[in-house]
Amino acid sequence: WKKSRKLSMEEAKRKLKNAKTDFVLLLDDNMYYKSMRYKIVQLAREINAGFVQLYMSADVEDCIRLNSKRSEGAQVPNSAILKMAEHIEPPDSTFESTCTIELGSPPLLQIKRSPVDFTPNENPLNACVRLVLQSLDKPLNNDEVKRHLAKENQAERDREVTAANVV
């Protein structure tokens, strides 16, 4: 999966850099570590593009139950679901709070948190589409986001140095 994620990122970068018109690139991935999402944000900044993420919070029991309803070849091992639930880093930082819609577990898909206004009876997917459309005009290039990303980038480098120094 690491190799396929890397290939997907390279293909996304190539397509985005060669785009002649506005379009939406949808990456369907768990990206349970913040560092995984950070790479996408870096790409958006590099090419002056908008960025939106949909975060679906779900109970582990619901995930396991829904997974058991998949066809046998499409099921994910329960151990992988449990590991991901243990290690997931929900969106919480400045750049993520301005571009994240958090949805609750299916089948309800209620909006738990959103940077766009929505009415209580609105279909949550409509709010998601509005946020995506707004992002086309709001690339990740403002000073606040740059400062925050620089701080996170430094923290990531510090973690790498620490990991390299562990005996």
N, C-alpha and C. Protein backbone atom coordinates (compact mmCIF):
# COMPACT_ATOMS: atom_id res chain seq x y z
N TRP A 1 0.80 -1.20 0.00
CA TRP A 1 0.00 0.00 0.00
C TRP A 1 0.85 1.27 0.00
N LYS A 2 2.04 1.19 0.60
CA LYS A 2 2.91 2.37 0.60
C LYS A 2 3.34 2.72 -0.82
N LYS A 3 3.67 1.68 -1.59
CA LYS A 3 4.09 1.91 -2.97
C LYS A 3 2.94 2.49 -3.79
N SER A 4 1.74 1.95 -3.62
CA SER A 4 0.60 2.47 -4.39
C SER A 4 0.24 3.89 -3.96
N ARG A 5 0.40 4.22 -2.67
CA ARG A 5 0.14 5.59 -2.22
C ARG A 5 1.15 6.54 -2.84
N LYS A 6 2.42 6.12 -2.90
CA LYS A 6 3.45 6.96 -3.50
C LYS A 6 3.17 7.18 -4.99
N LEU A 7 2.80 6.12 -5.69
CA LEU A 7 2.48 6.25 -7.11
C LEU A 7 1.26 7.15 -7.32
N SER A 8 0.27 7.03 -6.47
CA SER A 8 -0.92 7.90 -6.56
C SER A 8 -0.55 9.36 -6.38
N MET A 9 0.32 9.62 -5.41
CA MET A 9 0.75 11.01 -5.16
C MET A 9 1.51 11.56 -6.37
N GLU A 10 2.38 10.75 -6.94
CA GLU A 10 3.14 11.20 -8.11
C GLU A 10 2.21 11.49 -9.29
N GLU A 11 1.23 10.63 -9.50
CA GLU A 11 0.27 10.83 -10.58
C GLU A 11 -0.59 12.06 -10.33
N ALA A 12 -1.03 12.25 -9.09
CA ALA A 12 -1.83 13.43 -8.74
C ALA A 12 -1.03 14.70 -8.98
N LYS A 13 0.21 14.71 -8.56
CA LYS A 13 1.07 15.88 -8.74
C LYS A 13 1.25 16.19 -10.23
N ARG A 14 1.49 15.16 -11.02
CA ARG A 14 1.67 15.36 -12.46
C ARG A 14 0.40 15.93 -13.09
N LYS A 15 -0.74 15.36 -12.76
CA LYS A 15 -2.00 15.84 -13.34
C LYS A 15 -2.32 17.27 -12.89
N LEU A 16 -2.09 17.55 -11.63
CA LEU A 16 -2.38 18.90 -11.12
C LEU A 16 -1.47 19.95 -11.75
N LYS A 17 -0.21 19.63 -11.89
CA LYS A 17 0.73 20.59 -12.48
C LYS A 17 0.42 20.85 -13.95
N ASN A 18 -0.14 19.86 -14.65
CA ASN A 18 -0.43 20.01 -16.08
C ASN A 18 -1.87 20.44 -16.36
N ALA A 19 -2.64 20.72 -15.31
CA ALA A 19 -4.05 21.07 -15.51
C ALA A 19 -4.17 22.41 -16.22
N LYS A 20 -5.07 22.47 -17.18
CA LYS A 20 -5.30 23.70 -17.92
C LYS A 20 -6.59 24.39 -17.45
N THR A 21 -7.42 23.68 -16.71
CA THR A 21 -8.67 24.23 -16.19
C THR A 21 -8.83 23.81 -14.74
N ASP A 22 -9.78 24.44 -14.05
CA ASP A 22 -10.08 24.03 -12.69
C ASP A 22 -10.70 22.63 -12.69
N PHE A 23 -10.32 21.83 -11.75
CA PHE A 23 -10.94 20.53 -11.58
C PHE A 23 -10.74 20.10 -10.14
N VAL A 24 -11.45 19.06 -9.76
CA VAL A 24 -11.35 18.51 -8.42
C VAL A 24 -10.66 17.16 -8.51
N LEU A 25 -9.66 16.99 -7.68
CA LEU A 25 -8.97 15.71 -7.57
C LEU A 25 -9.43 15.09 -6.26
N LEU A 26 -10.01 13.92 -6.33
CA LEU A 26 -10.52 13.24 -5.15
C LEU A 26 -9.60 12.09 -4.80
N LEU A 27 -9.00 12.17 -3.61
CA LEU A 27 -8.15 11.08 -3.11
C LEU A 27 -8.96 10.35 -2.05
N ASP A 28 -9.20 9.09 -2.26
CA ASP A 28 -9.95 8.27 -1.33
C ASP A 28 -8.95 7.42 -0.57
N ASP A 29 -8.66 7.83 0.65
CA ASP A 29 -7.63 7.16 1.44
C ASP A 29 -7.94 7.43 2.91
N ASN A 30 -7.55 6.53 3.78
CA ASN A 30 -7.79 6.74 5.21
C ASN A 30 -6.91 7.84 5.78
N MET A 31 -5.69 7.94 5.32
CA MET A 31 -4.73 8.94 5.80
C MET A 31 -4.88 9.18 7.30
N TYR A 32 -4.71 8.13 8.07
CA TYR A 32 -4.96 8.23 9.50
C TYR A 32 -3.87 8.95 10.27
N TYR A 33 -2.70 9.14 9.66
CA TYR A 33 -1.66 9.95 10.30
C TYR A 33 -1.71 11.35 9.71
N LYS A 34 -1.53 12.32 10.56
CA LYS A 34 -1.51 13.71 10.13
C LYS A 34 -0.44 13.94 9.07
N SER A 35 0.68 13.26 9.19
CA SER A 35 1.77 13.43 8.23
C SER A 35 1.35 13.00 6.83
N MET A 36 0.44 12.02 6.73
CA MET A 36 -0.06 11.60 5.41
C MET A 36 -0.86 12.73 4.77
N ARG A 37 -1.70 13.38 5.57
CA ARG A 37 -2.51 14.49 5.05
C ARG A 37 -1.64 15.70 4.75
N TYR A 38 -0.59 15.86 5.55
CA TYR A 38 0.29 17.00 5.38
C TYR A 38 0.94 17.00 4.00
N LYS A 39 1.28 15.81 3.49
CA LYS A 39 1.88 15.72 2.15
C LYS A 39 0.94 16.25 1.09
N ILE A 40 -0.35 16.02 1.26
CA ILE A 40 -1.34 16.52 0.31
C ILE A 40 -1.41 18.05 0.41
N VAL A 41 -1.38 18.55 1.63
CA VAL A 41 -1.42 20.01 1.83
C VAL A 41 -0.19 20.65 1.20
N GLN A 42 0.96 20.03 1.37
CA GLN A 42 2.18 20.56 0.75
C GLN A 42 2.04 20.61 -0.77
N LEU A 43 1.46 19.59 -1.34
CA LEU A 43 1.24 19.56 -2.78
C LEU A 43 0.29 20.68 -3.20
N ALA A 44 -0.79 20.88 -2.47
CA ALA A 44 -1.74 21.95 -2.77
C ALA A 44 -1.06 23.31 -2.71
N ARG A 45 -0.23 23.52 -1.70
CA ARG A 45 0.50 24.78 -1.59
C ARG A 45 1.46 24.97 -2.76
N GLU A 46 2.15 23.90 -3.11
CA GLU A 46 3.17 23.97 -4.16
C GLU A 46 2.57 24.41 -5.49
N ILE A 47 1.37 23.95 -5.78
CA ILE A 47 0.76 24.28 -7.07
C ILE A 47 -0.33 25.34 -6.94
N ASN A 48 -0.43 25.96 -5.74
CA ASN A 48 -1.37 27.05 -5.50
C ASN A 48 -2.82 26.59 -5.72
N ALA A 49 -3.16 25.45 -5.13
CA ALA A 49 -4.49 24.87 -5.28
C ALA A 49 -5.26 24.91 -3.97
N GLY A 50 -6.56 24.77 -4.06
CA GLY A 50 -7.40 24.66 -2.87
C GLY A 50 -7.24 23.27 -2.25
N PHE A 51 -7.69 23.14 -1.02
CA PHE A 51 -7.58 21.87 -0.31
C PHE A 51 -8.80 21.70 0.58
N VAL A 52 -9.42 20.54 0.51
CA VAL A 52 -10.56 20.21 1.35
C VAL A 52 -10.39 18.77 1.79
N GLN A 53 -10.78 18.47 3.02
CA GLN A 53 -10.79 17.08 3.44
C GLN A 53 -12.10 16.78 4.16
N LEU A 54 -12.60 15.59 3.93
CA LEU A 54 -13.78 15.10 4.62
C LEU A 54 -13.30 14.06 5.61
N TYR A 55 -13.62 14.27 6.86
CA TYR A 55 -13.20 13.35 7.91
C TYR A 55 -14.45 12.66 8.43
N MET A 56 -14.51 11.37 8.27
CA MET A 56 -15.66 10.61 8.74
C MET A 56 -15.28 9.89 10.03
N SER A 57 -15.81 10.38 11.13
CA SER A 57 -15.55 9.70 12.40
C SER A 57 -16.55 8.56 12.52
N ALA A 58 -16.08 7.43 13.00
CA ALA A 58 -16.94 6.26 13.10
C ALA A 58 -16.53 5.42 14.29
N ASP A 59 -17.50 4.79 14.90
CA ASP A 59 -17.21 3.85 15.99
C ASP A 59 -16.54 2.61 15.41
N VAL A 60 -15.59 2.07 16.14
CA VAL A 60 -14.88 0.88 15.68
C VAL A 60 -15.87 -0.27 15.45
N GLU A 61 -16.84 -0.39 16.35
CA GLU A 61 -17.82 -1.47 16.21
C GLU A 61 -18.60 -1.33 14.90
N ASP A 62 -18.96 -0.08 14.54
CA ASP A 62 -19.66 0.15 13.27
C ASP A 62 -18.77 -0.23 12.09
N CYS A 63 -17.50 0.11 12.16
CA CYS A 63 -16.56 -0.22 11.08
C CYS A 63 -16.46 -1.73 10.90
N ILE A 64 -16.33 -2.44 11.99
CA ILE A 64 -16.22 -3.89 11.92
C ILE A 64 -17.51 -4.51 11.39
N ARG A 65 -18.65 -3.99 11.85
CA ARG A 65 -19.94 -4.50 11.38
C ARG A 65 -20.12 -4.26 9.88
N LEU A 66 -19.82 -3.03 9.43
CA LEU A 66 -19.96 -2.72 8.01
C LEU A 66 -18.96 -3.51 7.16
N ASN A 67 -17.76 -3.70 7.69
CA ASN A 67 -16.75 -4.47 6.99
C ASN A 67 -17.20 -5.92 6.79
N SER A 68 -17.88 -6.47 7.79
CA SER A 68 -18.33 -7.87 7.70
C SER A 68 -19.38 -8.05 6.62
N LYS A 69 -20.03 -6.97 6.20
CA LYS A 69 -21.05 -7.05 5.15
C LYS A 69 -20.44 -6.97 3.74
N ARG A 70 -19.15 -6.67 3.65
CA ARG A 70 -18.48 -6.64 2.35
C ARG A 70 -18.32 -8.07 1.84
N SER A 71 -18.13 -8.17 0.54
CA SER A 71 -17.84 -9.50 -0.01
C SER A 71 -16.52 -9.98 0.58
N GLU A 72 -16.34 -11.27 0.61
CA GLU A 72 -15.17 -11.85 1.29
C GLU A 72 -13.84 -11.29 0.80
N GLY A 73 -13.68 -11.09 -0.48
CA GLY A 73 -12.42 -10.58 -1.01
C GLY A 73 -12.19 -9.10 -0.74
N ALA A 74 -13.24 -8.37 -0.39
CA ALA A 74 -13.13 -6.93 -0.16
C ALA A 74 -13.00 -6.57 1.31
N GLN A 75 -13.11 -7.55 2.18
CA GLN A 75 -13.03 -7.27 3.62
C GLN A 75 -11.60 -6.93 4.04
N VAL A 76 -11.52 -6.05 5.00
CA VAL A 76 -10.25 -5.66 5.60
C VAL A 76 -10.12 -6.47 6.89
N PRO A 77 -8.94 -6.97 7.22
CA PRO A 77 -8.80 -7.71 8.48
C PRO A 77 -9.20 -6.83 9.68
N ASN A 78 -9.94 -7.42 10.61
CA ASN A 78 -10.35 -6.66 11.80
C ASN A 78 -9.14 -6.09 12.53
N SER A 79 -8.03 -6.79 12.50
CA SER A 79 -6.82 -6.29 13.16
C SER A 79 -6.36 -4.96 12.55
N ALA A 80 -6.54 -4.81 11.23
CA ALA A 80 -6.16 -3.55 10.57
C ALA A 80 -7.09 -2.42 11.02
N ILE A 81 -8.38 -2.71 11.16
CA ILE A 81 -9.33 -1.70 11.61
C ILE A 81 -9.01 -1.28 13.04
N LEU A 82 -8.72 -2.25 13.90
CA LEU A 82 -8.40 -1.95 15.30
C LEU A 82 -7.10 -1.15 15.40
N LYS A 83 -6.10 -1.52 14.60
CA LYS A 83 -4.83 -0.79 14.63
C LYS A 83 -5.03 0.65 14.16
N MET A 84 -5.80 0.82 13.09
CA MET A 84 -6.04 2.17 12.57
C MET A 84 -6.80 3.01 13.61
N ALA A 85 -7.78 2.41 14.26
CA ALA A 85 -8.55 3.13 15.28
C ALA A 85 -7.65 3.57 16.43
N GLU A 86 -6.68 2.72 16.75
CA GLU A 86 -5.75 3.04 17.84
C GLU A 86 -4.81 4.18 17.48
N HIS A 87 -4.43 4.26 16.21
CA HIS A 87 -3.39 5.21 15.80
C HIS A 87 -3.92 6.45 15.08
N ILE A 88 -5.21 6.52 14.80
CA ILE A 88 -5.71 7.63 14.00
C ILE A 88 -5.46 8.98 14.68
N GLU A 89 -5.07 9.95 13.88
CA GLU A 89 -4.84 11.32 14.36
C GLU A 89 -5.89 12.20 13.70
N PRO A 90 -7.02 12.45 14.39
CA PRO A 90 -8.08 13.26 13.79
C PRO A 90 -7.59 14.66 13.45
N PRO A 91 -8.20 15.28 12.44
CA PRO A 91 -7.81 16.66 12.09
C PRO A 91 -8.03 17.59 13.28
N ASP A 92 -7.05 18.44 13.55
CA ASP A 92 -7.22 19.35 14.67
C ASP A 92 -6.43 20.64 14.54
N SER A 93 -5.57 20.76 13.56
CA SER A 93 -4.70 21.93 13.50
C SER A 93 -5.35 23.07 12.73
N THR A 94 -4.70 24.20 12.71
CA THR A 94 -5.23 25.39 12.06
C THR A 94 -5.56 25.14 10.60
N PHE A 95 -4.63 24.61 9.83
CA PHE A 95 -4.93 24.42 8.41
C PHE A 95 -6.03 23.40 8.22
N GLU A 96 -6.11 22.39 9.06
CA GLU A 96 -7.15 21.39 8.90
C GLU A 96 -8.52 21.89 9.33
N SER A 97 -8.57 22.77 10.33
CA SER A 97 -9.86 23.24 10.79
C SER A 97 -10.54 24.16 9.78
N THR A 98 -9.78 24.78 8.90
CA THR A 98 -10.37 25.68 7.91
C THR A 98 -10.80 24.95 6.64
N CYS A 99 -10.49 23.69 6.51
CA CYS A 99 -10.80 22.97 5.27
C CYS A 99 -11.35 21.58 5.52
N THR A 100 -11.84 21.32 6.73
CA THR A 100 -12.32 19.98 7.08
C THR A 100 -13.79 20.00 7.44
N ILE A 101 -14.54 19.10 6.84
CA ILE A 101 -15.90 18.82 7.29
C ILE A 101 -15.84 17.47 7.97
N GLU A 102 -16.31 17.42 9.21
CA GLU A 102 -16.33 16.15 9.92
C GLU A 102 -17.74 15.58 9.87
N LEU A 103 -17.84 14.37 9.38
CA LEU A 103 -19.12 13.68 9.28
C LEU A 103 -19.15 12.52 10.27
N GLY A 104 -20.33 12.28 10.83
CA GLY A 104 -20.50 11.14 11.73
C GLY A 104 -20.65 9.85 10.95
N SER A 105 -20.79 8.76 11.67
CA SER A 105 -20.87 7.43 11.06
C SER A 105 -22.04 7.30 10.09
N PRO A 106 -21.84 6.57 8.99
CA PRO A 106 -22.97 6.21 8.13
C PRO A 106 -23.95 5.37 8.95
N PRO A 107 -25.19 5.32 8.66
CA PRO A 107 -25.83 5.91 7.49
C PRO A 107 -26.31 7.34 7.70
N LEU A 108 -26.10 7.91 8.89
CA LEU A 108 -26.65 9.24 9.17
C LEU A 108 -25.91 10.37 8.46
N LEU A 109 -24.59 10.29 8.39
CA LEU A 109 -23.76 11.33 7.78
C LEU A 109 -24.10 12.73 8.27
N GLN A 110 -24.31 12.87 9.57
CA GLN A 110 -24.58 14.20 10.11
C GLN A 110 -23.28 14.99 10.19
N ILE A 111 -23.36 16.30 9.98
CA ILE A 111 -22.17 17.15 10.07
C ILE A 111 -21.90 17.43 11.54
N LYS A 112 -20.70 17.11 11.98
CA LYS A 112 -20.31 17.38 13.36
C LYS A 112 -19.56 18.70 13.47
N ARG A 113 -18.85 19.07 12.39
CA ARG A 113 -18.03 20.28 12.40
C ARG A 113 -17.79 20.67 10.96
N SER A 114 -17.87 22.00 10.69
CA SER A 114 -17.70 22.44 9.31
C SER A 114 -17.27 23.91 9.25
N PRO A 115 -16.36 24.25 8.32
CA PRO A 115 -15.99 25.66 8.13
C PRO A 115 -17.01 26.42 7.27
N VAL A 116 -17.99 25.72 6.68
CA VAL A 116 -19.03 26.39 5.90
C VAL A 116 -20.35 26.30 6.66
N ASP A 117 -21.18 27.32 6.50
CA ASP A 117 -22.49 27.31 7.15
C ASP A 117 -23.39 26.29 6.48
N PHE A 118 -24.23 25.68 7.26
CA PHE A 118 -25.19 24.74 6.72
C PHE A 118 -26.44 24.80 7.58
N THR A 119 -27.57 24.45 7.00
CA THR A 119 -28.83 24.44 7.74
C THR A 119 -29.03 23.06 8.33
N PRO A 120 -29.76 22.98 9.44
CA PRO A 120 -29.94 21.69 10.11
C PRO A 120 -30.54 20.59 9.21
N ASN A 121 -31.40 20.96 8.28
CA ASN A 121 -32.03 19.95 7.42
C ASN A 121 -31.30 19.73 6.11
N GLU A 122 -30.18 20.42 5.92
CA GLU A 122 -29.44 20.30 4.66
C GLU A 122 -28.75 18.95 4.56
N ASN A 123 -28.74 18.42 3.37
CA ASN A 123 -28.00 17.19 3.11
C ASN A 123 -26.51 17.49 3.33
N PRO A 124 -25.84 16.76 4.20
CA PRO A 124 -24.42 17.03 4.48
C PRO A 124 -23.54 17.02 3.23
N LEU A 125 -23.91 16.22 2.25
CA LEU A 125 -23.11 16.17 1.03
C LEU A 125 -23.16 17.49 0.27
N ASN A 126 -24.27 18.23 0.40
CA ASN A 126 -24.35 19.56 -0.23
C ASN A 126 -23.32 20.51 0.38
N ALA A 127 -23.18 20.47 1.71
CA ALA A 127 -22.17 21.31 2.37
C ALA A 127 -20.77 20.91 1.92
N CYS A 128 -20.54 19.62 1.74
CA CYS A 128 -19.24 19.14 1.26
C CYS A 128 -18.95 19.68 -0.14
N VAL A 129 -19.94 19.62 -1.02
CA VAL A 129 -19.77 20.12 -2.38
C VAL A 129 -19.50 21.62 -2.35
N ARG A 130 -20.22 22.37 -1.52
CA ARG A 130 -19.99 23.82 -1.43
C ARG A 130 -18.57 24.12 -0.97
N LEU A 131 -18.07 23.37 0.00
CA LEU A 131 -16.71 23.60 0.48
C LEU A 131 -15.70 23.29 -0.62
N VAL A 132 -15.92 22.24 -1.38
CA VAL A 132 -15.03 21.91 -2.50
C VAL A 132 -15.03 23.04 -3.52
N LEU A 133 -16.21 23.54 -3.87
CA LEU A 133 -16.30 24.62 -4.85
C LEU A 133 -15.63 25.89 -4.34
N GLN A 134 -15.80 26.20 -3.07
CA GLN A 134 -15.14 27.37 -2.49
C GLN A 134 -13.62 27.23 -2.53
N SER A 135 -13.14 26.02 -2.36
CA SER A 135 -11.69 25.81 -2.33
C SER A 135 -11.03 26.11 -3.67
N LEU A 136 -11.81 26.02 -4.74
CA LEU A 136 -11.24 26.31 -6.06
C LEU A 136 -10.75 27.76 -6.14
N ASP A 137 -11.40 28.64 -5.37
CA ASP A 137 -11.03 30.05 -5.38
C ASP A 137 -10.14 30.44 -4.20
N LYS A 138 -9.84 29.51 -3.32
CA LYS A 138 -9.08 29.83 -2.11
C LYS A 138 -7.89 28.89 -1.96
N PRO A 139 -6.84 29.10 -2.73
CA PRO A 139 -5.67 28.23 -2.58
C PRO A 139 -5.01 28.38 -1.22
N LEU A 140 -4.28 27.36 -0.83
CA LEU A 140 -3.57 27.37 0.45
C LEU A 140 -2.29 28.18 0.33
N ASN A 141 -2.44 29.50 0.33
CA ASN A 141 -1.23 30.31 0.22
C ASN A 141 -1.23 31.52 1.15
N ASN A 142 -2.16 31.58 2.09
CA ASN A 142 -2.15 32.75 2.96
C ASN A 142 -1.08 32.62 4.05
N ASP A 143 -0.71 33.73 4.63
CA ASP A 143 0.41 33.77 5.57
C ASP A 143 0.18 32.91 6.81
N GLU A 144 -1.05 32.90 7.34
CA GLU A 144 -1.33 32.11 8.54
C GLU A 144 -1.09 30.63 8.28
N VAL A 145 -1.57 30.14 7.15
CA VAL A 145 -1.38 28.74 6.81
C VAL A 145 0.10 28.45 6.61
N LYS A 146 0.82 29.34 5.92
CA LYS A 146 2.25 29.14 5.69
C LYS A 146 3.02 29.06 7.01
N ARG A 147 2.70 29.96 7.95
CA ARG A 147 3.38 29.92 9.25
C ARG A 147 3.08 28.61 9.98
N HIS A 148 1.83 28.21 9.96
CA HIS A 148 1.46 26.98 10.65
C HIS A 148 2.14 25.78 10.01
N LEU A 149 2.15 25.73 8.69
CA LEU A 149 2.78 24.61 8.00
C LEU A 149 4.29 24.59 8.23
N ALA A 150 4.91 25.76 8.30
CA ALA A 150 6.35 25.82 8.58
C ALA A 150 6.64 25.24 9.97
N LYS A 151 5.79 25.57 10.94
CA LYS A 151 5.96 25.03 12.29
C LYS A 151 5.78 23.52 12.30
N GLU A 152 4.77 23.02 11.58
CA GLU A 152 4.56 21.57 11.51
C GLU A 152 5.70 20.88 10.77
N ASN A 153 6.19 21.52 9.73
CA ASN A 153 7.30 20.97 8.97
C ASN A 153 8.54 20.83 9.86
N GLN A 154 8.80 21.85 10.68
CA GLN A 154 9.93 21.79 11.60
C GLN A 154 9.73 20.67 12.62
N ALA A 155 8.51 20.53 13.11
CA ALA A 155 8.23 19.46 14.07
C ALA A 155 8.45 18.10 13.43
N GLU A 156 8.07 17.94 12.16
CA GLU A 156 8.28 16.69 11.44
C GLU A 156 9.78 16.40 11.30
N ARG A 157 10.57 17.43 10.95
CA ARG A 157 12.02 17.25 10.84
C ARG A 157 12.62 16.88 12.19
N ASP A 158 12.13 17.52 13.27
CA ASP A 158 12.62 17.19 14.61
C ASP A 158 12.33 15.74 14.96
N ARG A 159 11.12 15.24 14.60
CA ARG A 159 10.78 13.85 14.87
C ARG A 159 11.69 12.91 14.09
N GLU A 160 11.98 13.26 12.84
CA GLU A 160 12.87 12.42 12.03
C GLU A 160 14.27 12.36 12.63
N VAL A 161 14.78 13.50 13.12
CA VAL A 161 16.10 13.53 13.75
C VAL A 161 16.08 12.67 15.00
N THR A 162 15.02 12.80 15.80
CA THR A 162 14.91 12.01 17.03
C THR A 162 14.86 10.53 16.71
N ALA A 163 14.06 10.16 15.70
CA ALA A 163 13.95 8.75 15.32
C ALA A 163 15.29 8.20 14.83
N ALA A 164 16.05 9.02 14.11
CA ALA A 164 17.34 8.59 13.59
C ALA A 164 18.38 8.41 14.72
N ASN A 165 18.19 9.14 15.82
CA ASN A 165 19.14 9.08 16.91
C ASN A 165 18.82 8.00 17.95
N VAL A 166 17.65 7.37 17.82
CA VAL A 166 17.29 6.33 18.77
C VAL A 166 18.13 5.10 18.49
N VAL A 167 18.72 4.57 19.54
CA VAL A 167 19.60 3.40 19.38
C VAL A 167 18.80 2.14 19.44
